Protein backbone atom coordinates (compact mmCIF):
# COMPACT_ATOMS: atom_id res chain seq x y z
CA MET A 1 -13.80 17.59 23.84
CA SER A 2 -10.16 16.58 23.66
CA GLU A 3 -7.46 19.00 22.57
CA ARG A 4 -6.98 17.19 19.25
CA LEU A 5 -10.71 17.18 18.40
CA ARG A 6 -10.90 20.84 19.33
CA GLY A 7 -8.06 21.54 16.92
CA TYR A 8 -9.83 19.65 14.14
CA ALA A 9 -13.03 21.58 14.84
CA PHE A 10 -11.27 24.94 14.66
CA GLY A 11 -9.54 23.84 11.43
CA ALA A 12 -12.82 22.84 9.82
CA ALA A 13 -14.44 26.08 10.94
CA GLY A 14 -11.56 28.08 9.49
CA LEU A 15 -11.84 26.22 6.18
CA LEU A 16 -15.58 26.86 5.96
CA GLY A 17 -14.95 30.50 6.79
CA LEU A 18 -12.45 30.81 3.92
CA VAL A 19 -14.92 29.24 1.48
CA ALA A 20 -17.65 31.62 2.66
CA LEU A 21 -15.31 34.59 2.28
CA TRP A 22 -14.33 33.41 -1.21
CA TRP A 23 -17.99 33.12 -2.19
CA LEU A 24 -18.78 36.58 -0.77
CA LEU A 25 -15.86 38.31 -2.51
CA GLN A 26 -16.66 36.59 -5.82
CA ALA A 27 -20.25 37.82 -5.68
CA THR A 28 -19.37 41.39 -4.64
CA VAL A 29 -15.86 42.78 -5.04
CA PHE A 30 -14.81 40.54 -7.94
CA ALA A 31 -18.21 40.21 -9.61
CA ASP A 32 -16.88 41.67 -12.87
CA LYS A 33 -13.63 39.66 -12.79
CA LEU A 34 -12.80 36.13 -13.91
CA VAL A 35 -13.06 34.75 -10.40
CA PRO A 36 -15.14 31.58 -10.20
CA SER A 37 -17.45 30.67 -7.34
CA PRO A 38 -16.77 27.64 -5.15
CA TRP A 39 -19.77 25.93 -6.76
CA GLY A 40 -18.39 26.64 -10.22
CA VAL A 41 -15.07 25.03 -9.33
CA LEU A 42 -16.85 22.06 -7.77
CA THR A 43 -18.94 21.63 -10.92
CA THR A 44 -15.79 21.70 -13.05
CA TYR A 45 -14.36 18.83 -11.02
CA GLY A 46 -17.36 16.77 -12.05
CA ASP A 47 -17.17 17.85 -15.69
CA ASP A 48 -13.43 17.15 -16.04
CA GLY A 49 -13.60 13.87 -14.16
CA PHE A 50 -11.04 12.03 -12.10
CA THR A 51 -9.13 10.83 -15.17
CA PHE A 52 -8.20 14.39 -16.18
CA TYR A 53 -6.56 15.11 -12.82
CA ARG A 54 -4.96 11.69 -12.57
CA ASN A 55 -3.34 12.02 -16.00
CA ASN A 56 -1.99 15.49 -15.31
CA PHE A 57 -0.90 15.03 -11.71
CA THR A 58 0.72 11.61 -12.06
CA SER A 59 3.75 12.82 -13.99
CA THR A 60 4.13 15.97 -11.88
CA VAL A 61 4.03 14.00 -8.64
CA GLU A 62 6.58 11.56 -10.05
CA GLU A 63 8.87 14.45 -10.97
CA SER A 64 8.54 15.96 -7.51
CA LEU A 65 9.21 12.61 -5.80
CA ARG A 66 12.34 12.03 -7.86
CA GLY A 67 13.56 15.56 -7.25
CA PHE A 68 12.73 15.21 -3.55
CA ALA A 69 14.82 12.05 -3.34
CA TYR A 70 17.78 13.49 -5.27
CA GLY A 71 17.82 16.89 -3.58
CA ASN A 72 17.36 15.66 -0.02
CA GLY A 73 19.68 12.69 -0.53
CA LEU A 74 22.46 14.99 -1.69
CA ALA A 75 21.73 17.45 1.14
CA LEU A 76 21.94 14.74 3.82
CA LEU A 77 25.11 13.34 2.28
CA LEU A 78 26.81 16.76 2.23
CA ALA A 79 25.63 17.49 5.79
CA SER A 80 27.29 14.27 6.91
CA VAL A 81 30.47 15.26 5.07
CA VAL A 82 30.48 18.58 6.93
CA LEU A 83 30.41 16.71 10.23
CA LEU A 84 33.13 14.26 9.20
CA VAL A 85 35.35 16.78 7.40
CA PRO A 86 34.72 20.23 8.96
CA GLN A 87 37.24 21.83 6.59
CA LEU A 88 34.74 21.46 3.74
CA GLU A 89 31.96 23.31 5.54
CA ARG A 90 32.66 26.69 3.95
CA VAL A 91 32.65 25.29 0.41
CA ILE A 92 29.49 23.21 0.91
CA THR A 93 27.69 26.09 2.61
CA GLN A 94 28.55 28.45 -0.23
CA ILE A 95 27.21 25.96 -2.78
CA ALA A 96 23.97 25.68 -0.81
CA ILE A 97 23.58 29.47 -0.54
CA ILE A 98 24.16 29.90 -4.27
CA SER A 99 21.54 27.26 -5.07
CA TYR A 100 19.09 29.08 -2.81
CA CYS A 101 19.75 32.62 -4.03
CA ILE A 102 19.55 32.00 -7.78
CA PRO A 103 15.92 32.50 -8.94
CA LEU A 104 14.40 29.25 -10.17
CA VAL A 105 12.95 30.94 -13.24
CA ALA A 106 16.48 32.05 -14.20
CA ILE A 107 18.03 28.59 -14.15
CA THR A 108 15.09 26.72 -15.68
CA PRO A 109 16.05 27.52 -19.31
CA ILE A 110 19.65 26.52 -18.60
CA LEU A 111 18.55 23.22 -17.09
CA TYR A 112 16.31 22.59 -20.08
CA VAL A 113 19.18 23.16 -22.53
CA VAL A 114 21.44 20.82 -20.54
CA LEU A 115 18.95 18.11 -19.52
CA GLY A 116 16.23 18.35 -22.14
CA GLY A 117 12.55 17.60 -21.85
CA ALA A 118 10.40 14.53 -21.41
CA ASP A 119 11.01 11.52 -23.66
CA GLY A 120 7.30 11.06 -24.36
CA VAL A 121 3.78 12.01 -23.35
CA GLY A 122 3.29 11.46 -19.64
CA GLU A 123 7.00 10.83 -19.04
CA PRO A 124 8.78 12.87 -16.34
CA SER A 125 10.87 15.83 -17.46
CA PRO A 126 14.53 15.82 -16.29
CA THR A 127 14.32 19.62 -16.10
CA ALA A 128 11.35 19.48 -13.72
CA VAL A 129 13.08 16.79 -11.63
CA ALA A 130 16.23 18.92 -11.35
CA LEU A 131 14.24 22.00 -10.37
CA ALA A 132 12.38 20.00 -7.71
CA ALA A 133 15.74 18.84 -6.33
CA VAL A 134 17.12 22.38 -6.23
CA SER A 135 13.96 23.62 -4.49
CA CYS A 136 14.45 21.40 -1.45
CA PHE A 137 18.26 21.13 -1.29
CA PHE A 138 19.09 24.20 0.81
CA THR A 139 16.41 23.72 3.47
CA THR A 140 17.36 20.13 4.19
CA LEU A 141 21.11 20.80 4.18
CA VAL A 142 20.84 23.62 6.71
CA GLY A 143 18.36 21.73 8.88
CA ALA A 144 20.48 18.57 8.90
CA VAL A 145 23.70 20.43 9.77
CA LEU A 146 22.02 22.29 12.64
CA GLY A 147 20.45 19.05 13.82
CA PHE A 148 23.75 17.18 13.79
CA ARG A 149 25.33 19.96 15.83
CA SER A 150 22.60 19.81 18.46
CA ALA A 151 23.96 16.51 19.78
CA ASP A 152 24.73 16.31 23.49
CA PRO A 153 28.50 16.88 23.95
CA ALA A 154 28.54 14.43 26.89
CA SER A 155 27.18 11.66 24.67
CA LEU A 156 29.80 12.42 22.04
CA ASP A 157 32.50 12.22 24.72
CA VAL A 158 31.22 8.81 25.83
CA VAL A 159 31.55 7.46 22.29
CA SER A 160 35.03 8.97 22.03
CA VAL A 161 36.14 7.48 25.38
CA TYR A 162 35.10 4.02 24.21
CA GLY A 163 37.25 4.36 21.13
CA GLY A 164 34.68 5.59 18.65
CA GLY A 165 35.67 8.01 15.92
CA ARG A 166 33.74 10.71 14.06
CA PHE A 167 31.74 8.19 12.07
CA GLN A 168 30.61 6.33 15.20
CA GLN A 169 29.64 9.64 16.82
CA LEU A 170 27.64 10.55 13.73
CA ARG A 171 25.88 7.19 13.55
CA LYS A 172 25.19 6.57 17.26
CA VAL A 173 24.58 10.08 18.61
CA GLN A 174 24.33 12.87 16.07
CA LEU A 175 21.97 11.11 13.67
CA VAL A 176 19.47 10.40 16.46
CA SER A 177 19.64 13.94 17.83
CA ALA A 178 19.24 15.36 14.32
CA LEU A 179 16.12 13.35 13.42
CA PRO A 180 13.59 16.01 14.58
CA ALA A 181 15.39 18.73 12.61
CA ILE A 182 15.78 16.50 9.54
CA ILE A 183 12.11 15.51 9.50
CA SER A 184 11.08 19.15 9.96
CA SER A 185 13.27 20.06 6.98
CA LEU A 186 11.73 17.27 4.91
CA GLN A 187 8.30 18.53 5.95
CA ILE A 188 9.10 21.89 4.33
CA ALA A 189 10.91 20.30 1.39
CA ALA A 190 7.93 18.19 0.29
CA PRO A 191 5.72 21.12 -0.86
CA ALA A 192 8.81 22.92 -2.21
CA ALA A 193 9.68 19.93 -4.41
CA PHE A 194 6.18 19.84 -5.85
CA LEU A 195 6.29 23.58 -6.59
CA GLY A 196 9.70 23.17 -8.22
CA ALA A 197 8.37 20.38 -10.44
CA VAL A 198 5.43 22.52 -11.56
CA LEU A 199 7.73 25.44 -12.37
CA GLY A 200 10.06 23.13 -14.27
CA GLU A 201 7.20 21.90 -16.44
CA TYR A 202 6.58 25.39 -17.80
CA ILE A 203 9.82 25.14 -19.81
CA GLY A 204 10.54 21.46 -19.27
CA GLY A 205 9.18 20.26 -22.60
CA VAL A 206 6.23 18.23 -21.27
CA ASP A 207 2.87 17.69 -22.96
CA ARG A 208 1.05 16.42 -19.88
CA GLY A 209 1.29 17.70 -16.34
CA VAL A 210 0.00 20.37 -13.98
CA ALA A 211 1.79 23.25 -15.72
CA PRO A 212 0.58 22.37 -19.26
CA ALA A 213 -2.96 21.99 -17.89
CA LEU A 214 -2.72 25.41 -16.24
CA ILE A 215 -1.39 26.98 -19.43
CA ASN A 216 -4.22 25.43 -21.42
CA ALA A 217 -6.81 26.67 -18.92
CA ALA A 218 -5.38 30.20 -19.00
CA GLN A 219 -5.29 30.33 -22.80
CA ASN A 220 -8.94 29.26 -22.96
CA LEU A 221 -9.95 31.61 -20.12
CA ASN A 222 -11.23 28.59 -18.23
CA ASP A 223 -10.98 30.13 -14.78
CA GLU A 224 -12.88 27.31 -13.05
CA ARG A 225 -10.40 24.71 -14.26
CA ALA A 226 -7.41 26.92 -13.39
CA TRP A 227 -8.69 27.39 -9.84
CA GLY A 228 -9.50 23.70 -9.59
CA LEU A 229 -5.94 22.78 -10.58
CA MET A 230 -4.60 25.29 -8.08
CA LEU A 231 -6.65 23.85 -5.23
CA VAL A 232 -5.69 20.25 -6.05
CA SER A 233 -2.04 21.33 -6.24
CA GLY A 234 -2.37 22.82 -2.77
CA LEU A 235 -3.96 19.60 -1.56
CA VAL A 236 -1.11 17.48 -2.98
CA ALA A 237 1.51 19.76 -1.39
CA GLY A 238 -0.42 19.63 1.89
CA VAL A 239 -0.47 15.83 1.82
CA GLY A 240 3.32 15.82 1.52
CA TYR A 241 3.61 18.23 4.43
CA GLY A 242 1.14 16.28 6.53
CA PHE A 243 2.87 12.95 5.84
CA PHE A 244 6.08 14.10 7.51
CA SER A 245 4.10 15.71 10.32
CA VAL A 246 2.54 12.33 11.10
CA LEU A 247 5.88 10.58 10.60
CA ALA A 248 7.47 12.86 13.19
CA ARG A 249 4.94 11.74 15.81
CA PHE A 250 6.04 8.12 15.42
CA VAL A 251 9.75 8.47 14.64
CA THR A 252 10.60 11.29 17.07
CA PRO A 253 8.01 11.10 19.88
CA TRP A 254 10.48 12.75 22.27
CA SER A 255 10.54 15.91 20.16
CA LYS A 256 8.43 18.83 21.37
CA GLY A 257 7.32 19.56 17.80
CA ALA A 258 6.18 15.98 17.26
CA ALA A 259 4.22 15.90 20.45
CA SER A 260 2.28 19.07 19.76
């Protein structure tokens, strides 16, 4: 059995073990609690149907994708500015630290007052988009800056000797050397953006989405649906993480992380 197939086998065994443990705890320790069984959650998937999850997850995924693009785009732009104008590093770093240290639940009401909610049913909420962007900004900025600085000094000197300036060094050397770090940062940012979008929906003035569906399930004590939404949310976040993991294997095959 190859190393990759062995890894898949161990992963599947671990997943089955978690399901078995969940089933055992639900039947024993949490028998008197509102903890559904795996079969109960699976049955709820069939009762709710694919349309229910499609309608609620479509807008949330759109919000997270928009926030992912805005937050990471701004982070990569500012990381490039740090390389081109080192004097601005302190200011940009402080902005990033502030965005990371402020609790998301504290700024959500402020964002809602400033940006407002969704324009209609199923439309993305600007508040959720902004929160998704904030959730992934810091990680990508720090990863990109560290990646840019990992460039080989000898290669930078070669570009300089041939008359290249800071921009040529950034484009021809530092960007290539930073790709593994940038993709790793995006790999972490993808689930973070989805989580930020879900949190933003709680106050983001939306009528359809993952957060409203979770609120509705909690108010009706529908524990099977709440757990089902949680598991699908984890699956969506995992798909985002896995996408950049696969992308790293093709874009940065020289990286140790991509090869593993």
